[in-house]
ModelCIF file with pLDDT and N, C-alpha, C, O atoms, coordinates in Angstrom:
data_MODEL
#
_entry.id   MODEL 
#
_entity.id                         1 
_entity.type                       polymer 
_entity.pdbx_number_of_molecules   1 
#
_entity_poly.entity_id                      1 
_entity_poly.type                           'polypeptide(L)' 
_entity_poly.nstd_linkage                   no 
_entity_poly.nstd_monomer                   no 
_entity_poly.pdbx_seq_one_letter_code       EALPPGNDEIGFELDAAACRTRIGAGHRTIRCDVTQYPTWVFKGRTEG 
_entity_poly.pdbx_seq_one_letter_code_can   EALPPGNDEIGFELDAAACRTRIGAGHRTIRCDVTQYPTWVFKGRTEG 
_entity_poly.pdbx_strand_id                 A 
#
loop_
_entity_poly_seq.entity_id 
_entity_poly_seq.num 
_entity_poly_seq.mon_id 
_entity_poly_seq.hetero 
1 1  GLU n 
1 2  ALA n 
1 3  LEU n 
1 4  PRO n 
1 5  PRO n 
1 6  GLY n 
1 7  ASN n 
1 8  ASP n 
1 9  GLU n 
1 10 ILE n 
1 11 GLY n 
1 12 PHE n 
1 13 GLU n 
1 14 LEU n 
1 15 ASP n 
1 16 ALA n 
1 17 ALA n 
1 18 ALA n 
1 19 CYS n 
1 20 ARG n 
1 21 THR n 
1 22 ARG n 
1 23 ILE n 
1 24 GLY n 
1 25 ALA n 
1 26 GLY n 
1 27 HIS n 
1 28 ARG n 
1 29 THR n 
1 30 ILE n 
1 31 ARG n 
1 32 CYS n 
1 33 ASP n 
1 34 VAL n 
1 35 THR n 
1 36 GLN n 
1 37 TYR n 
1 38 PRO n 
1 39 THR n 
1 40 TRP n 
1 41 VAL n 
1 42 PHE n 
1 43 LYS n 
1 44 GLY n 
1 45 ARG n 
1 46 THR n 
1 47 GLU n 
1 48 GLY n 
#
_struct_asym.id          A 
_struct_asym.entity_id   1 
#
loop_
_ma_qa_metric.id 
_ma_qa_metric.mode 
_ma_qa_metric.name 
_ma_qa_metric.software_group_id 
_ma_qa_metric.type 
1 global pLDDT . pLDDT 
2 local  pLDDT . pLDDT 
#
_ma_qa_metric_global.metric_id      1 
_ma_qa_metric_global.metric_value   95.33 
_ma_qa_metric_global.model_id       1 
_ma_qa_metric_global.ordinal_id     1 
#
loop_
_ma_qa_metric_local.label_asym_id 
_ma_qa_metric_local.label_comp_id 
_ma_qa_metric_local.label_seq_id 
_ma_qa_metric_local.metric_id 
_ma_qa_metric_local.metric_value 
_ma_qa_metric_local.model_id 
_ma_qa_metric_local.ordinal_id 
A GLU 1  2 97.00 1 1  
A ALA 2  2 97.00 1 2  
A LEU 3  2 96.00 1 3  
A PRO 4  2 88.00 1 4  
A PRO 5  2 83.00 1 5  
A GLY 6  2 84.00 1 6  
A ASN 7  2 90.00 1 7  
A ASP 8  2 93.00 1 8  
A GLU 9  2 96.00 1 9  
A ILE 10 2 97.00 1 10 
A GLY 11 2 98.00 1 11 
A PHE 12 2 98.00 1 12 
A GLU 13 2 97.00 1 13 
A LEU 14 2 96.00 1 14 
A ASP 15 2 95.00 1 15 
A ALA 16 2 97.00 1 16 
A ALA 17 2 97.00 1 17 
A ALA 18 2 97.00 1 18 
A CYS 19 2 98.00 1 19 
A ARG 20 2 98.00 1 20 
A THR 21 2 98.00 1 21 
A ARG 22 2 98.00 1 22 
A ILE 23 2 97.00 1 23 
A GLY 24 2 97.00 1 24 
A ALA 25 2 96.00 1 25 
A GLY 26 2 95.00 1 26 
A HIS 27 2 97.00 1 27 
A ARG 28 2 97.00 1 28 
A THR 29 2 97.00 1 29 
A ILE 30 2 97.00 1 30 
A ARG 31 2 97.00 1 31 
A CYS 32 2 97.00 1 32 
A ASP 33 2 96.00 1 33 
A VAL 34 2 96.00 1 34 
A THR 35 2 96.00 1 35 
A GLN 36 2 96.00 1 36 
A TYR 37 2 97.00 1 37 
A PRO 38 2 97.00 1 38 
A THR 39 2 96.00 1 39 
A TRP 40 2 94.00 1 40 
A VAL 41 2 93.00 1 41 
A PHE 42 2 95.00 1 42 
A LYS 43 2 94.00 1 43 
A GLY 44 2 93.00 1 44 
A ARG 45 2 91.00 1 45 
A THR 46 2 95.00 1 46 
A GLU 47 2 95.00 1 47 
A GLY 48 2 97.00 1 48 
#
loop_
_atom_site.group_PDB 
_atom_site.id 
_atom_site.type_symbol 
_atom_site.label_atom_id 
_atom_site.label_alt_id 
_atom_site.label_comp_id 
_atom_site.label_asym_id 
_atom_site.label_entity_id 
_atom_site.label_seq_id 
_atom_site.pdbx_PDB_ins_code 
_atom_site.Cartn_x 
_atom_site.Cartn_y 
_atom_site.Cartn_z 
_atom_site.occupancy 
_atom_site.B_iso_or_equiv 
_atom_site.pdbx_formal_charge 
_atom_site.auth_seq_id 
_atom_site.auth_comp_id 
_atom_site.auth_asym_id 
_atom_site.auth_atom_id 
_atom_site.pdbx_PDB_model_num 
ATOM 1   N N  . GLU A 1 1  ? -14.386 7.943   -14.933 1.00 97.00 ? 1  GLU A N  1 
ATOM 2   C CA . GLU A 1 1  ? -14.734 8.848   -16.017 1.00 97.00 ? 1  GLU A CA 1 
ATOM 3   C C  . GLU A 1 1  ? -14.344 10.290  -15.696 1.00 97.00 ? 1  GLU A C  1 
ATOM 4   O O  . GLU A 1 1  ? -14.156 11.102  -16.602 1.00 97.00 ? 1  GLU A O  1 
ATOM 5   N N  . ALA A 1 2  ? -14.225 10.605  -14.410 1.00 97.00 ? 2  ALA A N  1 
ATOM 6   C CA . ALA A 1 2  ? -13.870 11.964  -14.008 1.00 97.00 ? 2  ALA A CA 1 
ATOM 7   C C  . ALA A 1 2  ? -12.368 12.213  -13.998 1.00 97.00 ? 2  ALA A C  1 
ATOM 8   O O  . ALA A 1 2  ? -11.933 13.359  -14.108 1.00 97.00 ? 2  ALA A O  1 
ATOM 9   N N  . LEU A 1 3  ? -11.574 11.161  -13.870 1.00 96.00 ? 3  LEU A N  1 
ATOM 10  C CA . LEU A 1 3  ? -10.119 11.323  -13.843 1.00 96.00 ? 3  LEU A CA 1 
ATOM 11  C C  . LEU A 1 3  ? -9.614  11.837  -15.196 1.00 96.00 ? 3  LEU A C  1 
ATOM 12  O O  . LEU A 1 3  ? -10.214 11.540  -16.230 1.00 96.00 ? 3  LEU A O  1 
ATOM 13  N N  . PRO A 1 4  ? -8.529  12.595  -15.199 1.00 88.00 ? 4  PRO A N  1 
ATOM 14  C CA . PRO A 1 4  ? -8.011  13.126  -16.472 1.00 88.00 ? 4  PRO A CA 1 
ATOM 15  C C  . PRO A 1 4  ? -7.480  12.015  -17.362 1.00 88.00 ? 4  PRO A C  1 
ATOM 16  O O  . PRO A 1 4  ? -6.974  11.014  -16.855 1.00 88.00 ? 4  PRO A O  1 
ATOM 17  N N  . PRO A 1 5  ? -7.581  12.166  -18.661 1.00 83.00 ? 5  PRO A N  1 
ATOM 18  C CA . PRO A 1 5  ? -7.022  11.165  -19.577 1.00 83.00 ? 5  PRO A CA 1 
ATOM 19  C C  . PRO A 1 5  ? -5.536  10.951  -19.326 1.00 83.00 ? 5  PRO A C  1 
ATOM 20  O O  . PRO A 1 5  ? -4.806  11.883  -18.987 1.00 83.00 ? 5  PRO A O  1 
ATOM 21  N N  . GLY A 1 6  ? -5.103  9.709   -19.498 1.00 84.00 ? 6  GLY A N  1 
ATOM 22  C CA . GLY A 1 6  ? -3.697  9.390   -19.316 1.00 84.00 ? 6  GLY A CA 1 
ATOM 23  C C  . GLY A 1 6  ? -3.310  9.103   -17.886 1.00 84.00 ? 6  GLY A C  1 
ATOM 24  O O  . GLY A 1 6  ? -2.125  8.961   -17.583 1.00 84.00 ? 6  GLY A O  1 
ATOM 25  N N  . ASN A 1 7  ? -4.296  9.012   -16.989 1.00 90.00 ? 7  ASN A N  1 
ATOM 26  C CA . ASN A 1 7  ? -3.982  8.727   -15.592 1.00 90.00 ? 7  ASN A CA 1 
ATOM 27  C C  . ASN A 1 7  ? -3.548  7.272   -15.428 1.00 90.00 ? 7  ASN A C  1 
ATOM 28  O O  . ASN A 1 7  ? -3.712  6.456   -16.335 1.00 90.00 ? 7  ASN A O  1 
ATOM 29  N N  . ASP A 1 8  ? -2.994  6.963   -14.263 1.00 93.00 ? 8  ASP A N  1 
ATOM 30  C CA . ASP A 1 8  ? -2.474  5.623   -13.977 1.00 93.00 ? 8  ASP A CA 1 
ATOM 31  C C  . ASP A 1 8  ? -3.369  4.906   -12.969 1.00 93.00 ? 8  ASP A C  1 
ATOM 32  O O  . ASP A 1 8  ? -2.884  4.280   -12.027 1.00 93.00 ? 8  ASP A O  1 
ATOM 33  N N  . GLU A 1 9  ? -4.676  5.007   -13.181 1.00 96.00 ? 9  GLU A N  1 
ATOM 34  C CA . GLU A 1 9  ? -5.641  4.386   -12.267 1.00 96.00 ? 9  GLU A CA 1 
ATOM 35  C C  . GLU A 1 9  ? -5.771  2.894   -12.533 1.00 96.00 ? 9  GLU A C  1 
ATOM 36  O O  . GLU A 1 9  ? -5.676  2.442   -13.674 1.00 96.00 ? 9  GLU A O  1 
ATOM 37  N N  . ILE A 1 10 ? -5.991  2.134   -11.461 1.00 97.00 ? 10 ILE A N  1 
ATOM 38  C CA . ILE A 1 10 ? -6.373  0.738   -11.593 1.00 97.00 ? 10 ILE A CA 1 
ATOM 39  C C  . ILE A 1 10 ? -7.534  0.481   -10.651 1.00 97.00 ? 10 ILE A C  1 
ATOM 40  O O  . ILE A 1 10 ? -7.440  0.738   -9.451  1.00 97.00 ? 10 ILE A O  1 
ATOM 41  N N  . GLY A 1 11 ? -8.634  -0.029  -11.201 1.00 98.00 ? 11 GLY A N  1 
ATOM 42  C CA . GLY A 1 11 ? -9.852  -0.212  -10.428 1.00 98.00 ? 11 GLY A CA 1 
ATOM 43  C C  . GLY A 1 11 ? -10.064 -1.658  -10.020 1.00 98.00 ? 11 GLY A C  1 
ATOM 44  O O  . GLY A 1 11 ? -9.828  -2.580  -10.800 1.00 98.00 ? 11 GLY A O  1 
ATOM 45  N N  . PHE A 1 12 ? -10.515 -1.842  -8.785  1.00 98.00 ? 12 PHE A N  1 
ATOM 46  C CA . PHE A 1 12 ? -10.842 -3.164  -8.247  1.00 98.00 ? 12 PHE A CA 1 
ATOM 47  C C  . PHE A 1 12 ? -12.355 -3.258  -8.126  1.00 98.00 ? 12 PHE A C  1 
ATOM 48  O O  . PHE A 1 12 ? -12.974 -2.489  -7.390  1.00 98.00 ? 12 PHE A O  1 
ATOM 49  N N  . GLU A 1 13 ? -12.943 -4.194  -8.843  1.00 97.00 ? 13 GLU A N  1 
ATOM 50  C CA . GLU A 1 13 ? -14.403 -4.298  -8.901  1.00 97.00 ? 13 GLU A CA 1 
ATOM 51  C C  . GLU A 1 13 ? -14.795 -5.766  -8.959  1.00 97.00 ? 13 GLU A C  1 
ATOM 52  O O  . GLU A 1 13 ? -14.178 -6.554  -9.676  1.00 97.00 ? 13 GLU A O  1 
ATOM 53  N N  . LEU A 1 14 ? -15.824 -6.130  -8.201  1.00 96.00 ? 14 LEU A N  1 
ATOM 54  C CA . LEU A 1 14 ? -16.254 -7.526  -8.142  1.00 96.00 ? 14 LEU A CA 1 
ATOM 55  C C  . LEU A 1 14 ? -17.323 -7.864  -9.173  1.00 96.00 ? 14 LEU A C  1 
ATOM 56  O O  . LEU A 1 14 ? -17.336 -8.971  -9.711  1.00 96.00 ? 14 LEU A O  1 
ATOM 57  N N  . ASP A 1 15 ? -18.217 -6.923  -9.452  1.00 95.00 ? 15 ASP A N  1 
ATOM 58  C CA . ASP A 1 15 ? -19.341 -7.198  -10.337 1.00 95.00 ? 15 ASP A CA 1 
ATOM 59  C C  . ASP A 1 15 ? -18.869 -7.376  -11.783 1.00 95.00 ? 15 ASP A C  1 
ATOM 60  O O  . ASP A 1 15 ? -18.165 -6.525  -12.327 1.00 95.00 ? 15 ASP A O  1 
ATOM 61  N N  . ALA A 1 16 ? -19.267 -8.496  -12.396 1.00 97.00 ? 16 ALA A N  1 
ATOM 62  C CA . ALA A 1 16 ? -18.788 -8.814  -13.746 1.00 97.00 ? 16 ALA A CA 1 
ATOM 63  C C  . ALA A 1 16 ? -19.263 -7.803  -14.780 1.00 97.00 ? 16 ALA A C  1 
ATOM 64  O O  . ALA A 1 16 ? -18.487 -7.387  -15.640 1.00 97.00 ? 16 ALA A O  1 
ATOM 65  N N  . ALA A 1 17 ? -20.541 -7.399  -14.705 1.00 97.00 ? 17 ALA A N  1 
ATOM 66  C CA . ALA A 1 17 ? -21.064 -6.446  -15.681 1.00 97.00 ? 17 ALA A CA 1 
ATOM 67  C C  . ALA A 1 17 ? -20.375 -5.092  -15.543 1.00 97.00 ? 17 ALA A C  1 
ATOM 68  O O  . ALA A 1 17 ? -20.064 -4.446  -16.543 1.00 97.00 ? 17 ALA A O  1 
ATOM 69  N N  . ALA A 1 18 ? -20.136 -4.662  -14.303 1.00 97.00 ? 18 ALA A N  1 
ATOM 70  C CA . ALA A 1 18 ? -19.439 -3.392  -14.087 1.00 97.00 ? 18 ALA A CA 1 
ATOM 71  C C  . ALA A 1 18 ? -18.009 -3.457  -14.611 1.00 97.00 ? 18 ALA A C  1 
ATOM 72  O O  . ALA A 1 18 ? -17.496 -2.470  -15.139 1.00 97.00 ? 18 ALA A O  1 
ATOM 73  N N  . CYS A 1 19 ? -17.366 -4.607  -14.470 1.00 98.00 ? 19 CYS A N  1 
ATOM 74  C CA . CYS A 1 19 ? -16.015 -4.767  -15.020 1.00 98.00 ? 19 CYS A CA 1 
ATOM 75  C C  . CYS A 1 19 ? -16.025 -4.638  -16.531 1.00 98.00 ? 19 CYS A C  1 
ATOM 76  O O  . CYS A 1 19 ? -15.138 -4.002  -17.101 1.00 98.00 ? 19 CYS A O  1 
ATOM 77  N N  . ARG A 1 20 ? -17.018 -5.232  -17.195 1.00 98.00 ? 20 ARG A N  1 
ATOM 78  C CA . ARG A 1 20 ? -17.103 -5.119  -18.650 1.00 98.00 ? 20 ARG A CA 1 
ATOM 79  C C  . ARG A 1 20 ? -17.334 -3.666  -19.061 1.00 98.00 ? 20 ARG A C  1 
ATOM 80  O O  . ARG A 1 20 ? -16.773 -3.200  -20.053 1.00 98.00 ? 20 ARG A O  1 
ATOM 81  N N  . THR A 1 21 ? -18.155 -2.958  -18.300 1.00 98.00 ? 21 THR A N  1 
ATOM 82  C CA . THR A 1 21 ? -18.379 -1.540  -18.586 1.00 98.00 ? 21 THR A CA 1 
ATOM 83  C C  . THR A 1 21 ? -17.089 -0.756  -18.459 1.00 98.00 ? 21 THR A C  1 
ATOM 84  O O  . THR A 1 21 ? -16.772 0.064   -19.321 1.00 98.00 ? 21 THR A O  1 
ATOM 85  N N  . ARG A 1 22 ? -16.347 -0.997  -17.400 1.00 98.00 ? 22 ARG A N  1 
ATOM 86  C CA . ARG A 1 22 ? -15.096 -0.288  -17.182 1.00 98.00 ? 22 ARG A CA 1 
ATOM 87  C C  . ARG A 1 22 ? -14.092 -0.562  -18.302 1.00 98.00 ? 22 ARG A C  1 
ATOM 88  O O  . ARG A 1 22 ? -13.491 0.363   -18.847 1.00 98.00 ? 22 ARG A O  1 
ATOM 89  N N  . ILE A 1 23 ? -13.922 -1.822  -18.632 1.00 97.00 ? 23 ILE A N  1 
ATOM 90  C CA . ILE A 1 23 ? -12.949 -2.189  -19.660 1.00 97.00 ? 23 ILE A CA 1 
ATOM 91  C C  . ILE A 1 23 ? -13.347 -1.603  -21.009 1.00 97.00 ? 23 ILE A C  1 
ATOM 92  O O  . ILE A 1 23 ? -12.501 -1.100  -21.748 1.00 97.00 ? 23 ILE A O  1 
ATOM 93  N N  . GLY A 1 24 ? -14.649 -1.671  -21.329 1.00 97.00 ? 24 GLY A N  1 
ATOM 94  C CA . GLY A 1 24 ? -15.123 -1.095  -22.579 1.00 97.00 ? 24 GLY A CA 1 
ATOM 95  C C  . GLY A 1 24 ? -14.917 0.409   -22.641 1.00 97.00 ? 24 GLY A C  1 
ATOM 96  O O  . GLY A 1 24 ? -14.752 0.975   -23.722 1.00 97.00 ? 24 GLY A O  1 
ATOM 97  N N  . ALA A 1 25 ? -14.925 1.055   -21.480 1.00 96.00 ? 25 ALA A N  1 
ATOM 98  C CA . ALA A 1 25 ? -14.733 2.505   -21.420 1.00 96.00 ? 25 ALA A CA 1 
ATOM 99  C C  . ALA A 1 25 ? -13.264 2.896   -21.375 1.00 96.00 ? 25 ALA A C  1 
ATOM 100 O O  . ALA A 1 25 ? -12.938 4.083   -21.400 1.00 96.00 ? 25 ALA A O  1 
ATOM 101 N N  . GLY A 1 26 ? -12.374 1.913   -21.308 1.00 95.00 ? 26 GLY A N  1 
ATOM 102 C CA . GLY A 1 26 ? -10.952 2.206   -21.345 1.00 95.00 ? 26 GLY A CA 1 
ATOM 103 C C  . GLY A 1 26 ? -10.273 2.322   -20.003 1.00 95.00 ? 26 GLY A C  1 
ATOM 104 O O  . GLY A 1 26 ? -9.224  2.956   -19.896 1.00 95.00 ? 26 GLY A O  1 
ATOM 105 N N  . HIS A 1 27 ? -10.859 1.711   -18.955 1.00 97.00 ? 27 HIS A N  1 
ATOM 106 C CA . HIS A 1 27 ? -10.296 1.831   -17.613 1.00 97.00 ? 27 HIS A CA 1 
ATOM 107 C C  . HIS A 1 27 ? -9.688  0.504   -17.166 1.00 97.00 ? 27 HIS A C  1 
ATOM 108 O O  . HIS A 1 27 ? -10.353 -0.531  -17.213 1.00 97.00 ? 27 HIS A O  1 
ATOM 109 N N  . ARG A 1 28 ? -8.434  0.532   -16.736 1.00 97.00 ? 28 ARG A N  1 
ATOM 110 C CA . ARG A 1 28 ? -7.767  -0.677  -16.267 1.00 97.00 ? 28 ARG A CA 1 
ATOM 111 C C  . ARG A 1 28 ? -8.517  -1.252  -15.067 1.00 97.00 ? 28 ARG A C  1 
ATOM 112 O O  . ARG A 1 28 ? -8.888  -0.531  -14.141 1.00 97.00 ? 28 ARG A O  1 
ATOM 113 N N  . THR A 1 29 ? -8.727  -2.552  -15.107 1.00 97.00 ? 29 THR A N  1 
ATOM 114 C CA . THR A 1 29 ? -9.628  -3.174  -14.143 1.00 97.00 ? 29 THR A CA 1 
ATOM 115 C C  . THR A 1 29 ? -9.121  -4.537  -13.709 1.00 97.00 ? 29 THR A C  1 
ATOM 116 O O  . THR A 1 29 ? -8.662  -5.333  -14.527 1.00 97.00 ? 29 THR A O  1 
ATOM 117 N N  . ILE A 1 30 ? -9.209  -4.794  -12.420 1.00 97.00 ? 30 ILE A N  1 
ATOM 118 C CA . ILE A 1 30 ? -8.996  -6.135  -11.875 1.00 97.00 ? 30 ILE A CA 1 
ATOM 119 C C  . ILE A 1 30 ? -10.308 -6.580  -11.250 1.00 97.00 ? 30 ILE A C  1 
ATOM 120 O O  . ILE A 1 30 ? -10.816 -5.933  -10.334 1.00 97.00 ? 30 ILE A O  1 
ATOM 121 N N  . ARG A 1 31 ? -10.849 -7.673  -11.740 1.00 97.00 ? 31 ARG A N  1 
ATOM 122 C CA . ARG A 1 31 ? -12.063 -8.201  -11.131 1.00 97.00 ? 31 ARG A CA 1 
ATOM 123 C C  . ARG A 1 31 ? -11.668 -9.027  -9.912  1.00 97.00 ? 31 ARG A C  1 
ATOM 124 O O  . ARG A 1 31 ? -10.976 -10.038 -10.033 1.00 97.00 ? 31 ARG A O  1 
ATOM 125 N N  . CYS A 1 32 ? -12.112 -8.589  -8.742  1.00 97.00 ? 32 CYS A N  1 
ATOM 126 C CA . CYS A 1 32 ? -11.726 -9.263  -7.511  1.00 97.00 ? 32 CYS A CA 1 
ATOM 127 C C  . CYS A 1 32 ? -12.576 -8.756  -6.358  1.00 97.00 ? 32 CYS A C  1 
ATOM 128 O O  . CYS A 1 32 ? -13.304 -7.772  -6.486  1.00 97.00 ? 32 CYS A O  1 
ATOM 129 N N  . ASP A 1 33 ? -12.470 -9.445  -5.235  1.00 96.00 ? 33 ASP A N  1 
ATOM 130 C CA . ASP A 1 33 ? -12.994 -8.955  -3.968  1.00 96.00 ? 33 ASP A CA 1 
ATOM 131 C C  . ASP A 1 33 ? -11.892 -8.096  -3.359  1.00 96.00 ? 33 ASP A C  1 
ATOM 132 O O  . ASP A 1 33 ? -10.868 -8.618  -2.916  1.00 96.00 ? 33 ASP A O  1 
ATOM 133 N N  . VAL A 1 34 ? -12.098 -6.782  -3.334  1.00 96.00 ? 34 VAL A N  1 
ATOM 134 C CA . VAL A 1 34 ? -11.040 -5.872  -2.896  1.00 96.00 ? 34 VAL A CA 1 
ATOM 135 C C  . VAL A 1 34 ? -10.632 -6.123  -1.451  1.00 96.00 ? 34 VAL A C  1 
ATOM 136 O O  . VAL A 1 34 ? -9.516  -5.784  -1.057  1.00 96.00 ? 34 VAL A O  1 
ATOM 137 N N  . THR A 1 35 ? -11.522 -6.713  -0.654  1.00 96.00 ? 35 THR A N  1 
ATOM 138 C CA . THR A 1 35 ? -11.183 -6.981  0.749   1.00 96.00 ? 35 THR A CA 1 
ATOM 139 C C  . THR A 1 35 ? -10.151 -8.098  0.878   1.00 96.00 ? 35 THR A C  1 
ATOM 140 O O  . THR A 1 35 ? -9.525  -8.243  1.929   1.00 96.00 ? 35 THR A O  1 
ATOM 141 N N  . GLN A 1 36 ? -9.968  -8.887  -0.177  1.00 96.00 ? 36 GLN A N  1 
ATOM 142 C CA . GLN A 1 36 ? -9.031  -9.998  -0.144  1.00 96.00 ? 36 GLN A CA 1 
ATOM 143 C C  . GLN A 1 36 ? -7.759  -9.726  -0.931  1.00 96.00 ? 36 GLN A C  1 
ATOM 144 O O  . GLN A 1 36 ? -6.835  -10.539 -0.922  1.00 96.00 ? 36 GLN A O  1 
ATOM 145 N N  . TYR A 1 37 ? -7.708  -8.585  -1.612  1.00 97.00 ? 37 TYR A N  1 
ATOM 146 C CA . TYR A 1 37 ? -6.559  -8.306  -2.472  1.00 97.00 ? 37 TYR A CA 1 
ATOM 147 C C  . TYR A 1 37 ? -5.394  -7.775  -1.638  1.00 97.00 ? 37 TYR A C  1 
ATOM 148 O O  . TYR A 1 37 ? -5.603  -6.944  -0.754  1.00 97.00 ? 37 TYR A O  1 
ATOM 149 N N  . PRO A 1 38 ? -4.178  -8.236  -1.900  1.00 97.00 ? 38 PRO A N  1 
ATOM 150 C CA . PRO A 1 38 ? -3.020  -7.778  -1.108  1.00 97.00 ? 38 PRO A CA 1 
ATOM 151 C C  . PRO A 1 38 ? -2.639  -6.344  -1.438  1.00 97.00 ? 38 PRO A C  1 
ATOM 152 O O  . PRO A 1 38 ? -2.679  -5.929  -2.597  1.00 97.00 ? 38 PRO A O  1 
ATOM 153 N N  . THR A 1 39 ? -2.272  -5.595  -0.414  1.00 96.00 ? 39 THR A N  1 
ATOM 154 C CA . THR A 1 39 ? -1.871  -4.210  -0.620  1.00 96.00 ? 39 THR A CA 1 
ATOM 155 C C  . THR A 1 39 ? -0.382  -4.066  -0.943  1.00 96.00 ? 39 THR A C  1 
ATOM 156 O O  . THR A 1 39 ? 0.024   -3.077  -1.554  1.00 96.00 ? 39 THR A O  1 
ATOM 157 N N  . TRP A 1 40 ? 0.430   -5.040  -0.540  1.00 94.00 ? 40 TRP A N  1 
ATOM 158 C CA . TRP A 1 40 ? 1.893   -4.900  -0.676  1.00 94.00 ? 40 TRP A CA 1 
ATOM 159 C C  . TRP A 1 40 ? 2.331   -4.719  -2.131  1.00 94.00 ? 40 TRP A C  1 
ATOM 160 O O  . TRP A 1 40 ? 3.396   -4.164  -2.402  1.00 94.00 ? 40 TRP A O  1 
ATOM 161 N N  . VAL A 1 41 ? 1.502   -5.190  -3.058  1.00 93.00 ? 41 VAL A N  1 
ATOM 162 C CA . VAL A 1 41 ? 1.831   -5.075  -4.483  1.00 93.00 ? 41 VAL A CA 1 
ATOM 163 C C  . VAL A 1 41 ? 2.052   -3.614  -4.879  1.00 93.00 ? 41 VAL A C  1 
ATOM 164 O O  . VAL A 1 41 ? 2.803   -3.333  -5.812  1.00 93.00 ? 41 VAL A O  1 
ATOM 165 N N  . PHE A 1 42 ? 1.404   -2.687  -4.177  1.00 95.00 ? 42 PHE A N  1 
ATOM 166 C CA . PHE A 1 42 ? 1.414   -1.282  -4.582  1.00 95.00 ? 42 PHE A CA 1 
ATOM 167 C C  . PHE A 1 42 ? 2.214   -0.392  -3.641  1.00 95.00 ? 42 PHE A C  1 
ATOM 168 O O  . PHE A 1 42 ? 2.182   0.831   -3.777  1.00 95.00 ? 42 PHE A O  1 
ATOM 169 N N  . LYS A 1 43 ? 2.923   -0.977  -2.701  1.00 94.00 ? 43 LYS A N  1 
ATOM 170 C CA . LYS A 1 43 ? 3.701   -0.186  -1.752  1.00 94.00 ? 43 LYS A CA 1 
ATOM 171 C C  . LYS A 1 43 ? 4.768   0.638   -2.478  1.00 94.00 ? 43 LYS A C  1 
ATOM 172 O O  . LYS A 1 43 ? 5.467   0.142   -3.362  1.00 94.00 ? 43 LYS A O  1 
ATOM 173 N N  . GLY A 1 44 ? 4.871   1.895   -2.083  1.00 93.00 ? 44 GLY A N  1 
ATOM 174 C CA . GLY A 1 44 ? 5.899   2.764   -2.635  1.00 93.00 ? 44 GLY A CA 1 
ATOM 175 C C  . GLY A 1 44 ? 5.576   3.348   -3.989  1.00 93.00 ? 44 GLY A C  1 
ATOM 176 O O  . GLY A 1 44 ? 6.388   4.095   -4.535  1.00 93.00 ? 44 GLY A O  1 
ATOM 177 N N  . ARG A 1 45 ? 4.414   3.037   -4.558  1.00 91.00 ? 45 ARG A N  1 
ATOM 178 C CA . ARG A 1 45 ? 4.087   3.587   -5.875  1.00 91.00 ? 45 ARG A CA 1 
ATOM 179 C C  . ARG A 1 45 ? 2.621   3.993   -6.006  1.00 91.00 ? 45 ARG A C  1 
ATOM 180 O O  . ARG A 1 45 ? 2.050   3.957   -7.096  1.00 91.00 ? 45 ARG A O  1 
ATOM 181 N N  . THR A 1 46 ? 2.013   4.386   -4.863  1.00 95.00 ? 46 THR A N  1 
ATOM 182 C CA . THR A 1 46 ? 0.616   4.794   -4.869  1.00 95.00 ? 46 THR A CA 1 
ATOM 183 C C  . THR A 1 46 ? 0.513   6.298   -4.710  1.00 95.00 ? 46 THR A C  1 
ATOM 184 O O  . THR A 1 46 ? 0.853   6.844   -3.660  1.00 95.00 ? 46 THR A O  1 
ATOM 185 N N  . GLU A 1 47 ? 0.051   6.958   -5.736  1.00 95.00 ? 47 GLU A N  1 
ATOM 186 C CA . GLU A 1 47 ? -0.124  8.413   -5.699  1.00 95.00 ? 47 GLU A CA 1 
ATOM 187 C C  . GLU A 1 47 ? -1.462  8.783   -5.064  1.00 95.00 ? 47 GLU A C  1 
ATOM 188 O O  . GLU A 1 47 ? -1.518  9.653   -4.195  1.00 95.00 ? 47 GLU A O  1 
ATOM 189 N N  . GLY A 1 48 ? -2.537  8.125   -5.494  1.00 97.00 ? 48 GLY A N  1 
ATOM 190 C CA . GLY A 1 48 ? -3.865  8.486   -5.012  1.00 97.00 ? 48 GLY A CA 1 
ATOM 191 C C  . GLY A 1 48 ? -4.680  7.279   -4.633  1.00 97.00 ? 48 GLY A C  1 
ATOM 192 O O  . GLY A 1 48 ? -5.826  7.417   -4.207  1.00 97.00 ? 48 GLY A O  1 
#
C-alpha cells in the first residue's frame, strides 16, 4: 500500500486470507511458501 502506483511489485504470501486481501487491493500476488520458491526466475530483473 505504501509503494507508488504503477510499481512492478510481486508479493509472495502463504496465508490465503492475506492473499485475497492483496489481490482485492490490486497487488500482484503469488500464494506460496517463499522459502521454497526459486530465485532464478527473477535474475537480472530485480530492482528492489
